[in-house]
Amino acid sequence: MKFIKLDGRHTLYKRGYRYAYVFKDYKNHNRLLTEYQIAEIIRTAEGLNWFDHTSYGKAVGGRRRPYYIGFNKESTHTLVQLQM
């Protein structure tokens, strides 16, 4: 999981989001929170719908497509980090 600031290249930026978590590997089961749990925290914190703030990126070199979960407030990032 990686925390990034979105720019004009990202689909979620065009939808109005400024920050996102990016998940590139789906096989890492040692995380404290899964993608679904993080999306739940963000949805409840910012009052979003499920499909409004998620997106898949482009696959590079035959790898899996990265999964993006977008949000607007940087304080939401702090909330997710405190949940871990």
N, C-alpha and C. Protein backbone atom coordinates (compact mmCIF):
# COMPACT_ATOMS: atom_id res chain seq x y z
N MET A 1 0.85 -1.17 0.00
CA MET A 1 0.00 0.00 0.00
C MET A 1 0.89 1.23 0.00
N LYS A 2 0.52 2.18 -0.83
CA LYS A 2 1.29 3.40 -0.95
C LYS A 2 0.33 4.59 -0.95
N PHE A 3 0.69 5.64 -0.24
CA PHE A 3 -0.10 6.86 -0.18
C PHE A 3 0.48 7.84 -1.19
N ILE A 4 -0.37 8.36 -2.12
CA ILE A 4 0.11 9.30 -3.13
C ILE A 4 -0.81 10.50 -3.23
N LYS A 5 -0.26 11.59 -3.76
CA LYS A 5 -1.07 12.75 -4.10
C LYS A 5 -1.35 12.65 -5.60
N LEU A 6 -2.63 12.70 -5.97
CA LEU A 6 -3.02 12.51 -7.36
C LEU A 6 -2.73 13.75 -8.19
N ASP A 7 -2.54 13.52 -9.49
CA ASP A 7 -2.38 14.63 -10.44
C ASP A 7 -3.21 14.33 -11.69
N GLY A 8 -3.05 15.12 -12.71
CA GLY A 8 -3.89 15.03 -13.90
C GLY A 8 -3.82 13.73 -14.66
N ARG A 9 -2.83 12.89 -14.39
CA ARG A 9 -2.72 11.60 -15.07
C ARG A 9 -3.70 10.56 -14.55
N HIS A 10 -4.22 10.75 -13.37
CA HIS A 10 -5.04 9.74 -12.71
C HIS A 10 -6.53 9.96 -12.95
N THR A 11 -7.25 8.87 -13.08
CA THR A 11 -8.70 8.93 -13.27
C THR A 11 -9.40 9.53 -12.07
N LEU A 12 -8.96 9.17 -10.88
CA LEU A 12 -9.60 9.69 -9.67
C LEU A 12 -9.41 11.19 -9.51
N TYR A 13 -8.31 11.73 -10.01
CA TYR A 13 -8.10 13.17 -9.96
C TYR A 13 -9.15 13.88 -10.81
N LYS A 14 -9.47 13.30 -11.94
CA LYS A 14 -10.48 13.88 -12.82
C LYS A 14 -11.88 13.78 -12.21
N ARG A 15 -12.05 12.85 -11.28
CA ARG A 15 -13.33 12.73 -10.56
C ARG A 15 -13.39 13.67 -9.36
N GLY A 16 -12.29 14.34 -9.04
CA GLY A 16 -12.31 15.33 -7.96
C GLY A 16 -11.58 14.94 -6.70
N TYR A 17 -10.85 13.83 -6.70
CA TYR A 17 -10.11 13.39 -5.52
C TYR A 17 -8.67 13.89 -5.58
N ARG A 18 -8.07 14.11 -4.42
CA ARG A 18 -6.72 14.66 -4.36
C ARG A 18 -5.68 13.68 -3.83
N TYR A 19 -6.08 12.68 -3.07
CA TYR A 19 -5.16 11.71 -2.49
C TYR A 19 -5.69 10.31 -2.76
N ALA A 20 -4.78 9.32 -2.69
CA ALA A 20 -5.20 7.94 -2.92
C ALA A 20 -4.23 6.97 -2.27
N TYR A 21 -4.74 5.79 -1.99
CA TYR A 21 -3.92 4.65 -1.63
C TYR A 21 -3.83 3.79 -2.87
N VAL A 22 -2.63 3.28 -3.14
CA VAL A 22 -2.40 2.42 -4.30
C VAL A 22 -1.96 1.06 -3.80
N PHE A 23 -2.65 0.03 -4.25
CA PHE A 23 -2.31 -1.35 -3.92
C PHE A 23 -1.81 -2.02 -5.18
N LYS A 24 -0.54 -2.43 -5.17
CA LYS A 24 0.04 -3.06 -6.36
C LYS A 24 0.14 -4.57 -6.22
N ASP A 25 0.25 -5.05 -5.01
CA ASP A 25 0.34 -6.49 -4.81
C ASP A 25 -0.87 -6.96 -4.01
N TYR A 26 -1.49 -8.01 -4.50
CA TYR A 26 -2.69 -8.54 -3.85
C TYR A 26 -2.38 -9.78 -3.02
N LYS A 27 -1.16 -10.24 -3.05
CA LYS A 27 -0.80 -11.48 -2.37
C LYS A 27 -0.24 -11.26 -0.97
N ASN A 28 -0.04 -10.03 -0.58
CA ASN A 28 0.54 -9.73 0.72
C ASN A 28 -0.57 -9.80 1.78
N HIS A 29 -0.62 -10.91 2.49
CA HIS A 29 -1.66 -11.11 3.50
C HIS A 29 -1.18 -10.73 4.90
N ASN A 30 -0.01 -10.13 5.01
CA ASN A 30 0.53 -9.76 6.31
C ASN A 30 0.09 -8.36 6.74
N ARG A 31 -0.73 -7.71 5.94
CA ARG A 31 -1.20 -6.36 6.28
C ARG A 31 -2.18 -6.42 7.44
N LEU A 32 -2.24 -5.34 8.19
CA LEU A 32 -3.19 -5.27 9.29
C LEU A 32 -4.60 -5.00 8.78
N LEU A 33 -4.71 -4.18 7.72
CA LEU A 33 -5.99 -3.87 7.12
C LEU A 33 -5.98 -4.26 5.64
N THR A 34 -7.08 -4.82 5.16
CA THR A 34 -7.18 -5.17 3.75
C THR A 34 -7.69 -3.97 2.96
N GLU A 35 -7.70 -4.10 1.64
CA GLU A 35 -8.21 -3.04 0.78
C GLU A 35 -9.66 -2.73 1.10
N TYR A 36 -10.44 -3.77 1.36
CA TYR A 36 -11.85 -3.58 1.65
C TYR A 36 -12.04 -2.81 2.96
N GLN A 37 -11.28 -3.13 3.97
CA GLN A 37 -11.39 -2.44 5.26
C GLN A 37 -10.97 -0.98 5.16
N ILE A 38 -9.94 -0.71 4.39
CA ILE A 38 -9.51 0.68 4.20
C ILE A 38 -10.56 1.46 3.43
N ALA A 39 -11.16 0.84 2.42
CA ALA A 39 -12.23 1.51 1.67
C ALA A 39 -13.42 1.79 2.57
N GLU A 40 -13.73 0.90 3.49
CA GLU A 40 -14.83 1.11 4.44
C GLU A 40 -14.54 2.31 5.35
N ILE A 41 -13.32 2.41 5.85
CA ILE A 41 -12.95 3.54 6.71
C ILE A 41 -13.08 4.85 5.96
N ILE A 42 -12.60 4.88 4.72
CA ILE A 42 -12.68 6.10 3.92
C ILE A 42 -14.12 6.46 3.60
N ARG A 43 -14.92 5.46 3.28
CA ARG A 43 -16.34 5.73 2.96
C ARG A 43 -17.07 6.32 4.15
N THR A 44 -16.85 5.78 5.32
CA THR A 44 -17.55 6.31 6.49
C THR A 44 -17.01 7.68 6.90
N ALA A 45 -15.71 7.91 6.72
CA ALA A 45 -15.11 9.19 7.12
C ALA A 45 -15.54 10.32 6.19
N GLU A 46 -15.67 10.03 4.89
CA GLU A 46 -15.97 11.10 3.93
C GLU A 46 -17.36 10.98 3.32
N GLY A 47 -18.12 9.96 3.67
CA GLY A 47 -19.47 9.82 3.17
C GLY A 47 -19.55 9.56 1.68
N LEU A 48 -18.75 8.61 1.19
CA LEU A 48 -18.67 8.33 -0.24
C LEU A 48 -19.40 7.03 -0.59
N ASN A 49 -19.74 6.86 -1.86
CA ASN A 49 -20.27 5.61 -2.37
C ASN A 49 -19.12 4.69 -2.74
N TRP A 50 -19.41 3.41 -2.93
CA TRP A 50 -18.37 2.43 -3.18
C TRP A 50 -17.63 2.69 -4.49
N PHE A 51 -18.34 2.80 -5.58
CA PHE A 51 -17.68 2.88 -6.88
C PHE A 51 -17.22 4.29 -7.24
N ASP A 52 -17.59 5.27 -6.46
CA ASP A 52 -17.19 6.64 -6.77
C ASP A 52 -15.71 6.89 -6.48
N HIS A 53 -15.15 6.24 -5.50
CA HIS A 53 -13.80 6.58 -5.08
C HIS A 53 -12.78 5.46 -5.29
N THR A 54 -13.11 4.47 -6.12
CA THR A 54 -12.16 3.41 -6.44
C THR A 54 -11.92 3.35 -7.93
N SER A 55 -10.74 2.88 -8.30
CA SER A 55 -10.39 2.81 -9.71
C SER A 55 -9.24 1.83 -9.88
N TYR A 56 -9.15 1.25 -11.07
CA TYR A 56 -8.01 0.41 -11.44
C TYR A 56 -7.12 1.18 -12.39
N GLY A 57 -5.82 1.04 -12.23
CA GLY A 57 -4.87 1.68 -13.12
C GLY A 57 -4.53 0.78 -14.29
N LYS A 58 -3.55 1.20 -15.07
CA LYS A 58 -3.10 0.43 -16.23
C LYS A 58 -2.05 -0.59 -15.81
N ALA A 59 -2.13 -1.78 -16.42
CA ALA A 59 -1.13 -2.81 -16.17
C ALA A 59 0.14 -2.46 -16.94
N VAL A 60 1.28 -2.64 -16.31
CA VAL A 60 2.56 -2.34 -16.93
C VAL A 60 3.39 -3.62 -16.98
N GLY A 61 3.79 -4.03 -18.16
CA GLY A 61 4.65 -5.19 -18.30
C GLY A 61 4.01 -6.50 -17.91
N GLY A 62 2.73 -6.66 -18.13
CA GLY A 62 2.05 -7.91 -17.81
C GLY A 62 1.74 -8.09 -16.34
N ARG A 63 1.99 -7.11 -15.53
CA ARG A 63 1.68 -7.20 -14.11
C ARG A 63 0.20 -6.94 -13.86
N ARG A 64 -0.20 -7.18 -12.64
CA ARG A 64 -1.58 -6.89 -12.27
C ARG A 64 -1.82 -5.39 -12.25
N ARG A 65 -3.05 -5.02 -12.49
CA ARG A 65 -3.41 -3.60 -12.49
C ARG A 65 -3.46 -3.08 -11.07
N PRO A 66 -2.85 -1.93 -10.81
CA PRO A 66 -2.91 -1.35 -9.46
C PRO A 66 -4.33 -0.90 -9.13
N TYR A 67 -4.66 -0.99 -7.86
CA TYR A 67 -5.99 -0.63 -7.37
C TYR A 67 -5.88 0.65 -6.56
N TYR A 68 -6.67 1.66 -6.92
CA TYR A 68 -6.63 2.97 -6.28
C TYR A 68 -7.89 3.18 -5.44
N ILE A 69 -7.71 3.71 -4.24
CA ILE A 69 -8.81 4.15 -3.39
C ILE A 69 -8.58 5.63 -3.11
N GLY A 70 -9.43 6.49 -3.64
CA GLY A 70 -9.23 7.93 -3.54
C GLY A 70 -10.04 8.58 -2.44
N PHE A 71 -9.53 9.73 -1.96
CA PHE A 71 -10.22 10.52 -0.95
C PHE A 71 -9.74 11.95 -1.04
N ASN A 72 -10.42 12.87 -0.36
CA ASN A 72 -10.14 14.30 -0.50
C ASN A 72 -9.34 14.90 0.65
N LYS A 73 -9.58 14.45 1.85
CA LYS A 73 -8.97 15.08 3.03
C LYS A 73 -7.71 14.32 3.45
N GLU A 74 -6.66 15.06 3.72
CA GLU A 74 -5.43 14.42 4.19
C GLU A 74 -5.62 13.87 5.60
N SER A 75 -6.58 14.40 6.33
CA SER A 75 -6.85 13.88 7.67
C SER A 75 -7.42 12.45 7.62
N THR A 76 -8.00 12.06 6.49
CA THR A 76 -8.49 10.70 6.33
C THR A 76 -7.30 9.73 6.31
N HIS A 77 -6.21 10.15 5.72
CA HIS A 77 -4.99 9.33 5.73
C HIS A 77 -4.53 9.08 7.17
N THR A 78 -4.58 10.12 7.99
CA THR A 78 -4.20 9.98 9.39
C THR A 78 -5.14 9.02 10.11
N LEU A 79 -6.42 9.09 9.81
CA LEU A 79 -7.39 8.19 10.42
C LEU A 79 -7.09 6.73 10.07
N VAL A 80 -6.78 6.46 8.81
CA VAL A 80 -6.46 5.10 8.40
C VAL A 80 -5.18 4.62 9.09
N GLN A 81 -4.20 5.49 9.18
CA GLN A 81 -2.95 5.11 9.85
C GLN A 81 -3.17 4.81 11.32
N LEU A 82 -4.07 5.53 11.97
CA LEU A 82 -4.37 5.26 13.38
C LEU A 82 -5.11 3.95 13.55
N GLN A 83 -5.89 3.53 12.55
CA GLN A 83 -6.61 2.26 12.62
C GLN A 83 -5.65 1.07 12.52
N MET A 84 -4.50 1.31 11.90
CA MET A 84 -3.52 0.22 11.75
C MET A 84 -2.85 0.02 13.07
